[in-house]
Amino acid sequence: MTSPVSAVEWTDPAIADLRDIDDYWSAYDTASAERVADLIEAASAFLATMPRAGPALRRSDARKWLVGATPYLLIYRVLDDSIQILRVHHGRQDWDAP
């Protein structure tokens, strides 16, 4: 069993992804933007308690986690005492793992 970690770190690219996601949803509905942000935050908090819950990505030390009730994936890395969110991608985006 994997021990919980103490912190969630967000990289600059992940923070930029969050801003883009917020901009997109806010253009349609502020309540939806807040709901998506809350779900992403809840997913990252869950990963802090179960850091190896997401499957490992090929050719990378990163993992992925589908944010429930959204089309978004958290791409993250497990560190000694934290998880590091590398990116937040739409599931249909064409992306390569970091």
N, C-alpha and C. Protein backbone atom coordinates (compact mmCIF):
# COMPACT_ATOMS: atom_id res chain seq x y z
N MET A 1 0.85 -1.19 0.00
CA MET A 1 0.00 0.00 0.00
C MET A 1 0.89 1.24 0.00
N THR A 2 0.51 2.23 -0.75
CA THR A 2 1.27 3.46 -0.85
C THR A 2 0.84 4.43 0.24
N SER A 3 1.82 5.04 0.87
CA SER A 3 1.53 6.03 1.91
C SER A 3 1.08 7.34 1.30
N PRO A 4 0.21 8.05 2.01
CA PRO A 4 -0.18 9.38 1.53
C PRO A 4 1.02 10.31 1.51
N VAL A 5 0.94 11.34 0.72
CA VAL A 5 1.99 12.35 0.67
C VAL A 5 1.47 13.62 1.36
N SER A 6 2.37 14.54 1.63
CA SER A 6 1.95 15.70 2.42
C SER A 6 1.50 16.90 1.60
N ALA A 7 1.81 16.91 0.31
CA ALA A 7 1.52 18.13 -0.45
C ALA A 7 1.23 17.82 -1.91
N VAL A 8 0.53 18.76 -2.52
CA VAL A 8 0.30 18.75 -3.96
C VAL A 8 1.00 19.98 -4.52
N GLU A 9 1.92 19.76 -5.45
CA GLU A 9 2.64 20.86 -6.10
C GLU A 9 2.11 20.99 -7.52
N TRP A 10 1.89 22.21 -7.96
CA TRP A 10 1.43 22.48 -9.32
C TRP A 10 2.56 23.14 -10.10
N THR A 11 2.93 22.58 -11.24
CA THR A 11 3.96 23.19 -12.08
C THR A 11 3.36 24.40 -12.81
N ASP A 12 4.23 25.25 -13.32
CA ASP A 12 3.75 26.41 -14.08
C ASP A 12 2.89 26.00 -15.28
N PRO A 13 3.28 24.97 -16.05
CA PRO A 13 2.40 24.56 -17.16
C PRO A 13 1.02 24.08 -16.68
N ALA A 14 0.97 23.40 -15.53
CA ALA A 14 -0.32 22.95 -15.00
C ALA A 14 -1.17 24.13 -14.57
N ILE A 15 -0.55 25.13 -13.96
CA ILE A 15 -1.28 26.33 -13.56
C ILE A 15 -1.81 27.06 -14.80
N ALA A 16 -1.01 27.11 -15.84
CA ALA A 16 -1.48 27.73 -17.10
C ALA A 16 -2.65 26.94 -17.67
N ASP A 17 -2.59 25.60 -17.58
CA ASP A 17 -3.71 24.78 -18.04
C ASP A 17 -4.97 25.11 -17.25
N LEU A 18 -4.84 25.25 -15.93
CA LEU A 18 -6.00 25.59 -15.09
C LEU A 18 -6.60 26.93 -15.49
N ARG A 19 -5.75 27.89 -15.77
CA ARG A 19 -6.26 29.20 -16.20
C ARG A 19 -7.02 29.09 -17.52
N ASP A 20 -6.46 28.32 -18.46
CA ASP A 20 -7.14 28.13 -19.75
C ASP A 20 -8.49 27.44 -19.56
N ILE A 21 -8.52 26.44 -18.70
CA ILE A 21 -9.77 25.71 -18.43
C ILE A 21 -10.79 26.66 -17.80
N ASP A 22 -10.34 27.45 -16.84
CA ASP A 22 -11.24 28.41 -16.20
C ASP A 22 -11.76 29.44 -17.20
N ASP A 23 -10.87 29.95 -18.05
CA ASP A 23 -11.30 30.92 -19.07
C ASP A 23 -12.36 30.31 -19.98
N TYR A 24 -12.13 29.07 -20.39
CA TYR A 24 -13.07 28.40 -21.29
C TYR A 24 -14.44 28.27 -20.63
N TRP A 25 -14.48 27.70 -19.42
CA TRP A 25 -15.77 27.47 -18.77
C TRP A 25 -16.44 28.76 -18.32
N SER A 26 -15.65 29.73 -17.90
CA SER A 26 -16.22 31.01 -17.45
C SER A 26 -16.93 31.74 -18.58
N ALA A 27 -16.49 31.52 -19.81
CA ALA A 27 -17.15 32.16 -20.96
C ALA A 27 -18.57 31.64 -21.14
N TYR A 28 -18.84 30.43 -20.64
CA TYR A 28 -20.17 29.84 -20.77
C TYR A 28 -21.00 30.04 -19.51
N ASP A 29 -20.38 29.77 -18.36
CA ASP A 29 -21.15 29.79 -17.12
C ASP A 29 -20.20 29.77 -15.93
N THR A 30 -20.28 30.76 -15.07
CA THR A 30 -19.40 30.86 -13.91
C THR A 30 -19.57 29.67 -12.98
N ALA A 31 -20.80 29.22 -12.78
CA ALA A 31 -21.04 28.09 -11.89
C ALA A 31 -20.37 26.82 -12.42
N SER A 32 -20.40 26.62 -13.72
CA SER A 32 -19.73 25.46 -14.31
C SER A 32 -18.22 25.56 -14.13
N ALA A 33 -17.68 26.75 -14.30
CA ALA A 33 -16.24 26.94 -14.11
C ALA A 33 -15.84 26.60 -12.67
N GLU A 34 -16.64 27.03 -11.72
CA GLU A 34 -16.35 26.73 -10.31
C GLU A 34 -16.46 25.24 -10.03
N ARG A 35 -17.47 24.59 -10.63
CA ARG A 35 -17.65 23.15 -10.42
C ARG A 35 -16.46 22.38 -10.96
N VAL A 36 -16.02 22.71 -12.17
CA VAL A 36 -14.87 22.03 -12.77
C VAL A 36 -13.62 22.26 -11.91
N ALA A 37 -13.40 23.48 -11.46
CA ALA A 37 -12.25 23.77 -10.60
C ALA A 37 -12.31 22.97 -9.30
N ASP A 38 -13.50 22.87 -8.71
CA ASP A 38 -13.66 22.08 -7.48
C ASP A 38 -13.36 20.61 -7.72
N LEU A 39 -13.81 20.07 -8.85
CA LEU A 39 -13.57 18.66 -9.16
C LEU A 39 -12.08 18.39 -9.40
N ILE A 40 -11.41 19.31 -10.06
CA ILE A 40 -9.96 19.16 -10.28
C ILE A 40 -9.23 19.21 -8.94
N GLU A 41 -9.61 20.14 -8.09
CA GLU A 41 -9.00 20.24 -6.76
C GLU A 41 -9.24 18.98 -5.94
N ALA A 42 -10.47 18.45 -5.98
CA ALA A 42 -10.79 17.23 -5.24
C ALA A 42 -9.96 16.05 -5.76
N ALA A 43 -9.78 15.97 -7.06
CA ALA A 43 -8.98 14.89 -7.64
C ALA A 43 -7.53 14.98 -7.18
N SER A 44 -6.98 16.18 -7.14
CA SER A 44 -5.59 16.33 -6.69
C SER A 44 -5.47 15.99 -5.20
N ALA A 45 -6.46 16.35 -4.41
CA ALA A 45 -6.44 16.01 -2.98
C ALA A 45 -6.53 14.50 -2.79
N PHE A 46 -7.36 13.83 -3.60
CA PHE A 46 -7.44 12.37 -3.54
C PHE A 46 -6.09 11.75 -3.86
N LEU A 47 -5.43 12.26 -4.91
CA LEU A 47 -4.13 11.70 -5.30
C LEU A 47 -3.08 11.89 -4.21
N ALA A 48 -3.22 12.92 -3.40
CA ALA A 48 -2.30 13.09 -2.27
C ALA A 48 -2.47 11.97 -1.25
N THR A 49 -3.68 11.40 -1.17
CA THR A 49 -3.92 10.30 -0.24
C THR A 49 -3.62 8.94 -0.86
N MET A 50 -3.71 8.84 -2.17
CA MET A 50 -3.47 7.59 -2.90
C MET A 50 -2.59 7.91 -4.12
N PRO A 51 -1.33 8.25 -3.90
CA PRO A 51 -0.51 8.79 -4.99
C PRO A 51 -0.28 7.85 -6.17
N ARG A 52 -0.36 6.57 -5.96
CA ARG A 52 -0.12 5.65 -7.09
C ARG A 52 -1.43 5.10 -7.67
N ALA A 53 -2.52 5.80 -7.41
CA ALA A 53 -3.83 5.35 -7.90
C ALA A 53 -3.92 5.38 -9.42
N GLY A 54 -3.30 6.35 -10.04
CA GLY A 54 -3.36 6.48 -11.49
C GLY A 54 -2.35 5.57 -12.17
N PRO A 55 -2.69 5.08 -13.36
CA PRO A 55 -1.75 4.21 -14.08
C PRO A 55 -0.53 4.99 -14.56
N ALA A 56 0.58 4.29 -14.59
CA ALA A 56 1.82 4.90 -15.09
C ALA A 56 1.73 5.08 -16.60
N LEU A 57 2.35 6.14 -17.07
CA LEU A 57 2.41 6.39 -18.51
C LEU A 57 3.65 5.72 -19.08
N ARG A 58 3.53 5.26 -20.30
CA ARG A 58 4.69 4.66 -20.97
C ARG A 58 5.76 5.71 -21.20
N ARG A 59 6.99 5.31 -21.17
CA ARG A 59 8.15 6.16 -21.46
C ARG A 59 8.24 7.37 -20.54
N SER A 60 7.74 7.24 -19.34
CA SER A 60 7.73 8.39 -18.45
C SER A 60 7.59 7.92 -17.01
N ASP A 61 8.02 8.74 -16.06
CA ASP A 61 7.77 8.45 -14.66
C ASP A 61 6.46 9.08 -14.19
N ALA A 62 5.70 9.60 -15.13
CA ALA A 62 4.44 10.27 -14.81
C ALA A 62 3.29 9.26 -14.77
N ARG A 63 2.21 9.70 -14.18
CA ARG A 63 0.97 8.93 -14.09
C ARG A 63 -0.17 9.83 -14.57
N LYS A 64 -1.33 9.23 -14.78
CA LYS A 64 -2.49 10.02 -15.18
C LYS A 64 -3.68 9.65 -14.31
N TRP A 65 -4.58 10.61 -14.16
CA TRP A 65 -5.80 10.39 -13.39
C TRP A 65 -6.93 11.16 -14.04
N LEU A 66 -8.02 10.46 -14.34
CA LEU A 66 -9.20 11.09 -14.92
C LEU A 66 -9.97 11.80 -13.81
N VAL A 67 -10.20 13.07 -14.01
CA VAL A 67 -10.97 13.86 -13.04
C VAL A 67 -12.44 13.52 -13.28
N GLY A 68 -13.07 12.89 -12.29
CA GLY A 68 -14.45 12.44 -12.42
C GLY A 68 -15.40 13.54 -12.84
N ALA A 69 -16.38 13.19 -13.66
CA ALA A 69 -17.43 14.09 -14.14
C ALA A 69 -16.89 15.25 -14.98
N THR A 70 -15.67 15.10 -15.49
CA THR A 70 -15.08 16.10 -16.39
C THR A 70 -14.34 15.36 -17.51
N PRO A 71 -13.96 16.05 -18.56
CA PRO A 71 -13.16 15.42 -19.60
C PRO A 71 -11.65 15.56 -19.35
N TYR A 72 -11.25 15.96 -18.15
CA TYR A 72 -9.85 16.31 -17.91
C TYR A 72 -9.05 15.20 -17.23
N LEU A 73 -7.77 15.17 -17.59
CA LEU A 73 -6.80 14.25 -17.00
C LEU A 73 -5.76 15.06 -16.25
N LEU A 74 -5.42 14.60 -15.06
CA LEU A 74 -4.27 15.15 -14.36
C LEU A 74 -3.07 14.29 -14.72
N ILE A 75 -2.02 14.91 -15.20
CA ILE A 75 -0.76 14.23 -15.46
C ILE A 75 0.14 14.62 -14.30
N TYR A 76 0.62 13.62 -13.57
CA TYR A 76 1.34 13.92 -12.34
C TYR A 76 2.50 12.96 -12.10
N ARG A 77 3.35 13.36 -11.19
CA ARG A 77 4.50 12.55 -10.81
C ARG A 77 4.49 12.42 -9.29
N VAL A 78 4.83 11.23 -8.82
CA VAL A 78 4.92 10.98 -7.38
C VAL A 78 6.35 11.27 -6.93
N LEU A 79 6.49 12.19 -5.99
CA LEU A 79 7.79 12.52 -5.41
C LEU A 79 7.85 11.92 -4.00
N ASP A 80 8.93 12.12 -3.29
CA ASP A 80 9.09 11.52 -1.96
C ASP A 80 7.98 11.91 -1.00
N ASP A 81 7.67 13.20 -0.92
CA ASP A 81 6.68 13.65 0.06
C ASP A 81 5.58 14.50 -0.55
N SER A 82 5.42 14.40 -1.87
CA SER A 82 4.38 15.18 -2.54
C SER A 82 4.05 14.55 -3.88
N ILE A 83 2.98 15.05 -4.47
CA ILE A 83 2.75 14.75 -5.88
C ILE A 83 2.91 16.07 -6.62
N GLN A 84 3.37 15.97 -7.83
CA GLN A 84 3.60 17.15 -8.66
C GLN A 84 2.69 17.06 -9.87
N ILE A 85 1.73 17.98 -9.96
CA ILE A 85 0.84 18.01 -11.11
C ILE A 85 1.61 18.68 -12.25
N LEU A 86 1.83 17.91 -13.32
CA LEU A 86 2.61 18.40 -14.45
C LEU A 86 1.76 19.14 -15.45
N ARG A 87 0.58 18.59 -15.75
CA ARG A 87 -0.32 19.19 -16.74
C ARG A 87 -1.75 18.80 -16.40
N VAL A 88 -2.69 19.54 -16.95
CA VAL A 88 -4.11 19.19 -16.90
C VAL A 88 -4.57 19.22 -18.35
N HIS A 89 -4.85 18.04 -18.89
CA HIS A 89 -5.20 17.92 -20.31
C HIS A 89 -6.64 17.49 -20.49
N HIS A 90 -7.25 17.95 -21.56
CA HIS A 90 -8.55 17.43 -21.98
C HIS A 90 -8.29 16.02 -22.51
N GLY A 91 -9.16 15.10 -22.19
CA GLY A 91 -8.97 13.71 -22.60
C GLY A 91 -8.89 13.50 -24.10
N ARG A 92 -9.45 14.41 -24.87
CA ARG A 92 -9.40 14.28 -26.33
C ARG A 92 -8.24 15.03 -26.97
N GLN A 93 -7.47 15.72 -26.15
CA GLN A 93 -6.31 16.44 -26.66
C GLN A 93 -5.26 15.46 -27.16
N ASP A 94 -4.55 15.84 -28.20
CA ASP A 94 -3.42 15.06 -28.67
C ASP A 94 -2.20 15.57 -27.91
N TRP A 95 -1.72 14.78 -26.98
CA TRP A 95 -0.61 15.21 -26.15
C TRP A 95 0.34 14.05 -25.93
N ASP A 96 1.56 14.40 -25.63
CA ASP A 96 2.57 13.42 -25.25
C ASP A 96 2.84 13.59 -23.77
N ALA A 97 3.08 12.49 -23.12
CA ALA A 97 3.41 12.56 -21.69
C ALA A 97 4.71 13.32 -21.50
N PRO A 98 4.78 14.10 -20.42
CA PRO A 98 6.01 14.87 -20.16
C PRO A 98 7.17 13.95 -19.85
